[in-house]
Protein backbone atom coordinates (compact mmCIF):
# COMPACT_ATOMS: atom_id res chain seq x y z
CA UNK A 1 68.73 235.80 52.76
CA UNK A 2 69.66 234.32 49.85
CA UNK A 3 68.82 230.27 49.51
CA UNK A 4 72.40 228.39 49.21
CA UNK A 5 72.68 227.08 45.97
CA UNK A 6 72.62 223.44 46.03
CA UNK A 7 73.45 220.73 43.60
CA UNK A 8 71.62 217.24 44.18
CA UNK A 9 73.28 214.08 42.18
CA UNK A 10 72.01 210.18 42.69
CA UNK A 11 72.60 207.30 41.29
CA UNK A 12 68.20 205.79 41.02
CA UNK A 13 66.01 207.93 42.39
CA UNK A 14 65.42 207.88 46.17
CA UNK A 15 64.10 210.59 47.90
CA UNK A 16 66.25 212.74 46.24
CA UNK A 17 63.45 213.96 43.03
CA UNK A 18 61.15 214.74 45.84
CA UNK A 19 64.46 216.88 47.93
CA UNK A 20 64.91 218.29 44.69
CA UNK A 21 61.42 219.35 44.38
CA UNK A 22 61.10 221.14 48.18
CA UNK A 23 64.74 222.95 47.08
CA UNK A 24 63.20 224.00 44.05
CA UNK A 25 60.71 225.68 46.01
CA UNK A 26 62.65 227.39 47.91
CA UNK A 27 65.04 228.67 45.30
CA UNK A 28 68.05 226.60 46.51
CA UNK A 29 67.82 223.95 43.67
CA UNK A 30 71.43 224.82 42.00
CA UNK A 31 70.75 221.62 39.99
CA UNK A 32 69.89 218.03 39.52
CA UNK A 33 72.62 215.21 38.14
CA UNK A 34 70.79 212.05 37.35
CA UNK A 35 71.14 208.89 35.05
CA UNK A 36 68.08 209.18 35.01
CA UNK A 37 66.73 210.16 31.17
CA UNK A 38 65.00 212.96 30.78
CA UNK A 39 61.64 211.55 29.27
CA UNK A 40 60.94 210.81 33.03
CA UNK A 41 62.41 213.86 34.54
CA UNK A 42 60.30 216.22 33.19
CA UNK A 43 57.45 214.08 33.87
CA UNK A 44 58.00 215.78 37.90
CA UNK A 45 57.90 219.03 37.10
CA UNK A 46 61.30 219.89 36.55
CA UNK A 47 63.08 222.32 34.20
CA UNK A 48 65.30 221.27 31.66
CA UNK A 49 67.84 224.41 32.72
CA UNK A 50 67.48 222.42 36.32
CA UNK A 51 68.94 219.20 35.68
CA UNK A 52 71.80 217.51 34.25
CA UNK A 53 70.58 213.84 32.75
CA UNK A 54 73.73 210.53 32.54
CA UNK A 55 71.71 208.04 31.56
CA UNK A 56 73.84 205.94 29.98
CA UNK A 57 74.95 203.46 33.11
CA UNK A 58 71.35 203.46 34.38
CA UNK A 59 70.19 202.11 31.18
CA UNK A 60 72.83 199.50 30.88
CA UNK A 61 71.52 198.86 34.74
CA UNK A 62 68.46 198.25 33.58
CA UNK A 63 69.19 195.85 30.42
CA UNK A 64 71.64 194.10 33.34
CA UNK A 65 68.29 193.38 36.13
CA UNK A 66 66.10 192.40 33.20
CA UNK A 67 68.72 190.13 31.34
CA UNK A 68 71.66 188.58 33.48
CA UNK A 69 71.30 186.08 35.92
CA UNK A 70 71.26 186.82 39.46
CA UNK A 71 74.53 185.33 40.84
CA UNK A 72 76.15 187.60 38.04
CA UNK A 73 74.56 190.57 38.40
CA UNK A 74 76.70 192.31 40.89
CA UNK A 75 80.24 192.08 37.63
CA UNK A 76 78.36 195.64 36.63
CA UNK A 77 77.81 197.51 39.39
CA UNK A 78 81.53 198.72 39.46
CA UNK A 79 81.23 199.53 36.66
CA UNK A 80 77.82 201.30 36.20
CA UNK A 81 78.48 203.49 39.20
CA UNK A 82 81.49 204.24 38.90
CA UNK A 83 80.25 205.30 35.14
CA UNK A 84 77.72 208.01 36.48
CA UNK A 85 80.25 209.01 39.47
CA UNK A 86 82.81 210.67 36.78
CA UNK A 87 80.43 211.92 34.16
CA UNK A 88 78.99 213.22 37.38
CA UNK A 89 81.70 215.57 37.57
CA UNK A 90 80.90 217.22 34.61
CA UNK A 91 77.87 218.95 36.16
CA UNK A 92 79.41 220.03 39.89
CA UNK A 93 80.09 224.10 39.00
CA UNK A 94 78.55 226.69 40.36
CA UNK A 95 77.82 224.30 43.87
CA UNK A 96 77.97 226.12 46.99
CA UNK A 97 77.00 222.14 48.83
CA UNK A 98 76.65 218.82 47.35
CA UNK A 99 74.13 216.13 48.64
CA UNK A 100 74.80 212.53 46.71
CA UNK A 101 73.99 209.75 47.06
CA UNK A 102 76.30 206.91 48.53
CA UNK A 103 78.37 204.36 46.36
CA UNK A 104 77.75 207.30 43.49
CA UNK A 105 79.88 209.96 45.77
CA UNK A 106 83.94 209.78 45.79
CA UNK A 107 85.11 210.96 42.97
CA UNK A 108 82.75 214.35 43.54
CA UNK A 109 83.83 214.49 47.42
CA UNK A 110 87.29 214.23 47.15
CA UNK A 111 86.71 217.13 43.71
CA UNK A 112 84.53 218.97 46.32
CA UNK A 113 87.47 218.60 49.02
CA UNK A 114 90.05 219.68 46.54
CA UNK A 115 87.85 223.22 45.97
CA UNK A 116 87.35 223.25 49.86
CA UNK A 117 82.88 222.73 49.10
CA UNK A 118 81.20 220.70 51.57
CA UNK A 119 79.53 217.50 50.44
CA UNK A 120 76.71 216.31 52.05
CA UNK A 121 76.96 212.33 51.69
CA UNK A 122 73.14 209.93 52.07
CA UNK A 123 73.45 206.66 52.92
CA UNK A 124 69.65 204.42 52.46
CA UNK A 125 70.97 201.06 54.36
CA UNK A 126 72.73 200.51 57.33
CA UNK A 127 76.63 200.83 57.40
CA UNK A 128 78.18 199.06 54.25
CA UNK A 129 80.17 197.07 56.76
CA UNK A 130 77.23 196.05 58.47
CA UNK A 131 75.40 195.64 55.18
CA UNK A 132 77.63 193.28 54.03
CA UNK A 133 77.91 191.07 57.12
CA UNK A 134 73.44 190.80 57.54
CA UNK A 135 73.01 189.50 53.82
CA UNK A 136 76.21 187.54 53.35
CA UNK A 137 75.27 185.39 56.54
CA UNK A 138 71.38 185.08 55.09
CA UNK A 139 72.76 183.95 51.58
CA UNK A 140 75.11 181.21 53.59
CA UNK A 141 71.91 180.40 55.54
CA UNK A 142 69.48 179.74 52.26
CA UNK A 143 72.70 178.23 49.82
CA UNK A 144 73.36 181.24 47.74
CA UNK A 145 76.71 181.28 46.15
CA UNK A 146 77.08 185.00 44.84
CA UNK A 147 77.82 188.63 46.60
CA UNK A 148 74.99 191.44 45.66
CA UNK A 149 77.19 193.89 46.15
CA UNK A 150 80.50 194.37 43.89
CA UNK A 151 84.12 193.97 46.46
CA UNK A 152 85.07 197.75 44.82
CA UNK A 153 81.81 199.04 45.14
CA UNK A 154 81.90 198.31 49.11
CA UNK A 155 85.55 199.63 48.79
CA UNK A 156 84.33 202.98 46.93
CA UNK A 157 81.18 203.65 49.50
CA UNK A 158 83.57 203.15 52.43
CA UNK A 159 86.69 205.79 51.52
CA UNK A 160 83.53 207.92 50.88
CA UNK A 161 82.09 207.40 54.37
CA UNK A 162 85.64 208.48 55.96
CA UNK A 163 85.49 212.19 53.11
CA UNK A 164 82.34 213.45 53.06
CA UNK A 165 81.99 216.46 55.32
CA UNK A 166 78.71 215.03 56.67
CA UNK A 167 76.56 211.72 56.16
CA UNK A 168 73.11 211.43 56.47
CA UNK A 169 71.24 208.71 57.83
CA UNK A 170 67.32 207.85 57.54
CA UNK A 171 66.81 206.06 61.18
CA UNK A 172 68.16 205.67 64.61
CA UNK A 173 68.99 201.60 63.18
CA UNK A 174 71.11 203.25 60.66
CA UNK A 175 72.69 205.35 62.76
CA UNK A 176 73.66 203.10 65.84
CA UNK A 177 75.42 201.02 62.71
CA UNK A 178 77.59 204.25 61.68
CA UNK A 179 78.67 204.68 65.52
CA UNK A 180 79.32 200.98 66.19
CA UNK A 181 81.61 201.15 63.00
CA UNK A 182 83.98 203.70 64.83
CA UNK A 183 82.04 207.10 63.14
CA UNK A 184 81.68 209.80 65.39
CA UNK A 185 77.90 210.74 66.00
CA UNK A 186 79.29 214.53 64.94
CA UNK A 187 79.55 213.46 61.64
CA UNK A 188 76.03 211.71 61.26
CA UNK A 189 72.53 213.51 60.72
CA UNK A 190 69.19 212.30 60.81
CA UNK A 191 66.81 212.92 59.03
CA UNK A 192 63.35 211.06 58.44
CA UNK A 193 62.20 210.49 55.13
CA UNK A 194 58.55 211.57 53.75
CA UNK A 195 55.58 210.30 52.67
CA UNK A 196 52.61 212.14 50.58
CA UNK A 197 50.02 212.41 53.33
CA UNK A 198 47.49 213.52 50.66
CA UNK A 199 47.70 210.33 48.52
CA UNK A 200 48.60 207.80 51.70
CA UNK A 201 45.43 208.56 53.65
CA UNK A 202 41.91 206.72 54.92
CA UNK A 203 39.05 207.36 52.57
CA UNK A 204 35.56 207.53 54.16
CA UNK A 205 33.66 204.89 52.80
CA UNK A 206 36.50 202.43 51.82
CA UNK A 207 35.13 199.20 52.69
CA UNK A 208 38.11 196.92 54.24
CA UNK A 209 38.19 192.63 53.17
CA UNK A 210 36.16 190.77 54.87
CA UNK A 211 37.90 188.22 56.12
CA UNK A 212 41.10 188.71 58.29
CA UNK A 213 44.60 190.10 55.16
CA UNK A 214 47.97 191.62 55.63
CA UNK A 215 49.65 193.40 53.35
CA UNK A 216 53.41 193.68 52.26
CA UNK A 217 54.96 195.70 49.35
CA UNK A 218 58.44 195.84 48.10
CA UNK A 219 60.28 193.66 46.34
CA UNK A 220 59.99 190.07 47.21
CA UNK A 221 63.69 190.11 48.20
CA UNK A 222 65.26 187.78 50.86
CA UNK A 223 66.88 191.23 52.23
CA UNK A 224 63.10 191.69 52.36
CA UNK A 225 62.51 188.54 54.99
CA UNK A 226 60.15 187.07 52.61
CA UNK A 227 61.06 183.65 53.25
CA UNK A 228 60.33 184.57 56.94
CA UNK A 229 57.47 187.21 56.45
CA UNK A 230 55.45 184.06 54.22
CA UNK A 231 56.49 181.75 57.16
CA UNK A 232 54.99 183.20 59.69
CA UNK A 233 51.44 183.86 57.74
CA UNK A 234 51.77 180.33 57.13
CA UNK A 235 52.38 179.62 61.29
CA UNK A 236 49.32 182.36 61.59
CA UNK A 237 46.94 180.10 60.49
CA UNK A 238 44.07 182.57 60.93
CA UNK A 239 41.35 180.65 58.86
CA UNK A 240 40.70 182.42 55.41
CA UNK A 241 43.26 185.20 56.19
CA UNK A 242 44.98 186.75 53.44
CA UNK A 243 48.22 188.06 52.43
CA UNK A 244 48.49 190.37 49.49
CA UNK A 245 52.47 190.29 47.86
CA UNK A 246 52.64 193.92 46.33
CA UNK A 247 56.08 194.65 44.57
CA UNK A 248 57.73 193.24 41.29
CA UNK A 249 59.97 189.31 42.10
CA UNK A 250 63.54 188.81 42.25
CA UNK A 251 65.31 185.45 40.78
CA UNK A 252 64.80 184.36 44.35
CA UNK A 253 61.68 184.86 44.93
CA UNK A 254 60.08 181.53 43.72
CA UNK A 255 62.68 179.67 45.94
CA UNK A 256 61.54 182.05 49.11
CA UNK A 257 57.96 181.56 48.83
CA UNK A 258 58.26 177.78 47.82
CA UNK A 259 54.60 176.23 47.72
CA UNK A 260 52.63 179.33 48.55
CA UNK A 261 50.34 178.53 52.10
CA UNK A 262 46.63 179.70 51.66
CA UNK A 263 45.69 182.67 51.55
CA UNK A 264 49.09 184.66 49.92
CA UNK A 265 47.69 186.60 46.98
CA UNK A 266 50.73 187.55 45.03
CA UNK A 267 50.29 191.32 42.86
CA UNK A 268 53.16 193.06 40.72
CA UNK A 269 54.52 196.28 40.51
CA UNK A 270 51.61 199.21 40.83
CA UNK A 271 50.78 202.45 40.83
CA UNK A 272 50.86 204.58 43.97
CA UNK A 273 47.03 205.10 44.18
CA UNK A 274 46.19 201.51 43.98
CA UNK A 275 48.54 201.04 46.01
CA UNK A 276 47.25 203.30 48.45
CA UNK A 277 43.58 201.19 47.88
CA UNK A 278 45.79 197.95 48.51
CA UNK A 279 46.58 199.94 52.19
CA UNK A 280 42.64 200.67 52.80
CA UNK A 281 41.67 197.44 51.79
CA UNK A 282 43.55 195.13 54.22
CA UNK A 283 43.91 194.89 58.27
CA UNK A 284 47.59 195.22 58.83
CA UNK A 285 50.69 195.91 57.40
CA UNK A 286 53.91 193.93 58.21
CA UNK A 287 57.51 193.53 56.56
CA UNK A 288 60.18 191.07 57.82
CA UNK A 289 63.25 192.51 56.01
CA UNK A 290 66.95 191.30 57.07
CA UNK A 291 68.49 194.91 56.83
CA UNK A 292 67.42 198.64 55.31
CA UNK A 293 67.53 202.00 55.96
CA UNK A 294 63.57 203.38 56.57
CA UNK A 295 61.27 201.45 54.18
CA UNK A 296 58.92 204.60 53.38
CA UNK A 297 56.25 201.68 52.32
CA UNK A 298 55.78 201.51 56.65
CA UNK A 299 55.08 205.21 56.61
CA UNK A 300 52.66 205.13 53.80
CA UNK A 301 50.70 202.00 55.39
CA UNK A 302 50.74 204.24 59.06
CA UNK A 303 48.65 206.82 57.19
CA UNK A 304 46.16 204.64 55.98
CA UNK A 305 45.16 204.14 59.54
CA UNK A 306 47.20 200.09 59.37
CA UNK A 307 49.14 199.02 61.93
CA UNK A 308 52.23 197.73 61.58
CA UNK A 309 54.39 194.89 62.26
CA UNK A 310 58.37 195.63 61.11
CA UNK A 311 61.78 193.60 62.13
CA UNK A 312 63.84 196.18 63.95
CA UNK A 313 66.37 197.04 61.04
CA UNK A 314 63.35 198.37 58.70
CA UNK A 315 63.56 202.14 60.58
CA UNK A 316 59.68 200.92 61.63
CA UNK A 317 60.36 201.47 64.98
CA UNK A 318 61.50 205.05 64.24
CA UNK A 319 58.12 205.81 63.22
CA UNK A 320 55.90 203.90 66.24
CA UNK A 321 58.29 205.77 68.95
CA UNK A 322 57.71 209.18 66.93
CA UNK A 323 53.21 208.23 67.63
CA UNK A 324 54.32 206.47 70.79
CA UNK A 325 55.00 210.27 72.06
CA UNK A 326 57.68 208.92 74.63
CA UNK A 327 55.83 206.01 76.08
CA UNK A 328 58.27 203.44 76.53
CA UNK A 329 56.70 200.24 74.26
CA UNK A 330 54.55 196.95 75.62
CA UNK A 331 56.76 193.59 76.11
CA UNK A 332 54.23 191.70 74.82
CA UNK A 333 56.86 189.02 74.96
CA UNK A 334 60.60 188.76 75.07
CA UNK A 335 61.23 188.51 71.88
CA UNK A 336 58.03 191.27 70.92
CA UNK A 337 57.26 194.60 71.97
CA UNK A 338 53.82 195.84 71.39
CA UNK A 339 53.71 200.15 70.31
CA UNK A 340 50.42 202.01 70.39
CA UNK A 341 51.10 201.63 66.05
CA UNK A 342 52.31 198.02 66.13
CA UNK A 343 54.87 195.65 66.69
CA UNK A 344 58.83 195.44 66.51
CA UNK A 345 60.05 192.00 66.11
CA UNK A 346 63.36 190.96 66.03
CA UNK A 347 65.14 189.63 62.82
CA UNK A 348 64.79 186.26 60.97
CA UNK A 349 61.95 185.02 63.27
CA UNK A 350 58.89 184.13 61.93
CA UNK A 351 57.30 182.79 65.21
CA UNK A 352 56.85 186.63 66.23
CA UNK A 353 55.31 187.31 62.81
CA UNK A 354 52.60 184.98 63.47
CA UNK A 355 51.76 185.58 67.05
CA UNK A 356 51.22 189.86 66.09
CA UNK A 357 49.13 188.28 62.84
CA UNK A 358 47.07 186.38 64.81
CA UNK A 359 46.95 189.01 67.50
CA UNK A 360 45.67 191.10 65.88
CA UNK A 361 43.42 189.22 64.09
CA UNK A 362 41.97 187.30 67.04
CA UNK A 363 41.43 190.92 68.30
CA UNK A 364 39.61 193.57 66.80
CA UNK A 365 39.61 195.82 69.87
CA UNK A 366 43.23 196.11 69.81
CA UNK A 367 43.07 196.17 65.60
CA UNK A 368 41.55 199.67 65.71
CA UNK A 369 42.96 201.51 68.76
CA UNK A 370 46.25 200.62 66.96
CA UNK A 371 44.81 202.11 63.45
CA UNK A 372 43.73 204.75 65.28
CA UNK A 373 46.81 205.34 66.68
CA UNK A 374 48.43 205.18 63.34
CA UNK A 375 47.16 207.56 61.80
CA UNK A 376 48.73 210.57 64.13
CA UNK A 377 51.26 210.19 61.50
CA UNK A 378 49.84 213.00 59.90
CA UNK A 379 50.08 214.91 62.54
CA UNK A 380 54.13 213.88 62.63
CA UNK A 381 55.62 216.28 60.51
CA UNK A 382 56.82 213.78 57.83
CA UNK A 383 55.23 214.95 54.98
CA UNK A 384 57.83 215.85 52.33
CA UNK A 385 57.67 219.76 52.92
CA UNK A 386 58.78 218.75 56.12
CA UNK A 387 61.90 216.83 55.02
CA UNK A 388 63.10 218.93 52.76
CA UNK A 389 63.07 222.11 55.91
CA UNK A 390 65.25 219.77 58.19
CA UNK A 391 67.42 219.21 54.91
CA UNK A 392 67.93 222.25 54.78
CA UNK A 393 68.70 223.20 58.08
CA UNK A 394 71.03 220.68 57.64
CA UNK A 395 72.83 222.58 54.59
CA UNK A 396 73.00 226.42 56.96
CA UNK A 397 74.68 224.50 59.81
CA UNK A 398 77.09 223.46 57.21
CA UNK A 399 77.76 226.46 55.33
CA UNK A 400 77.24 228.91 58.31
CA UNK A 401 80.21 226.87 60.06
CA UNK A 402 82.75 226.72 57.57
CA UNK A 403 83.55 229.35 54.68
CA UNK A 404 82.05 227.63 51.07
CA UNK A 405 83.81 229.18 47.48
CA UNK A 406 81.92 228.31 44.27
CA UNK A 407 83.08 225.22 42.87
CA UNK A 408 84.47 226.36 39.03
């Protein structure tokens, strides 16, 4: 059977490069359209004729992220997003199906609709309206006066939801937000993101830190709930404990952290191999995000044998439910669910985070049990190969259901 010709178009990287490699190995990658420069893309092993690089908007975005104050960054969003979205249209010819990432895809969706070509829209976070509500409320609580998403980008993305053939989401949390906003479940497809299980795994003889250590990886931002995480660690007050924050600072980081509690250690961005070492040396992974689709760092940490403490809005509950193999969680309290490999807590609840940290620090037997359970993620088909298999199955369902002419 001849593989379908799939074009991926992505502003940024997300999971698109991993998916593109999977399609390449199956003979299904027609083209990867990206705003990354060729110097970055080539390191992934693509051939030049497989990729269309449109780096202008990304270069401007990098300048904005480095040099523009946080309160002004949203002003540049619509400019950079629409720039890439328009330029990408020149590279869609020959595709039987186009898979694009949200807020960069409206012109391409419209072109595909005119030509009868299906378009799969990837949304890695909650429905845009829900995301804006959650983050706007948090900004108001913190006294931040600016929005992080430009209104025109919001409008563009909502139009994408209406026009796309299918919307791919990474978790039940995201799926629920779309259904709550009136999107029929039949237009949604859930595909859990992959993880590099060869890199993220235990290593025999690797020594954990002597003191109880929790680790977080990601941007040190209010969206990631860093202020709740640090407050929860502070409230836990575990003697000689450590909280490792691995990731880049944002404009609001210092204000969110305030006076660092004893034991807090900050790292900047680190290579993936070093990130795996941080996981292996710790006793738990904790993430307090207000909103996101499925933070891949959770799967990475579980694959290294770390118990997971996550909020209900991170997608981490999907991973814990998979490891639980259908068994319901135990309710530690009315706010804390305990799974075999970790805990799920509400958003904006540092007390619950602190309680979970104290529970793990004070009960080595439970910690070891959850660590062993976490390693079951290696049996859950969550590597990038299986992610690509599920994506291709979804493409074929769409193509089998409609006769698709070729663009061009």
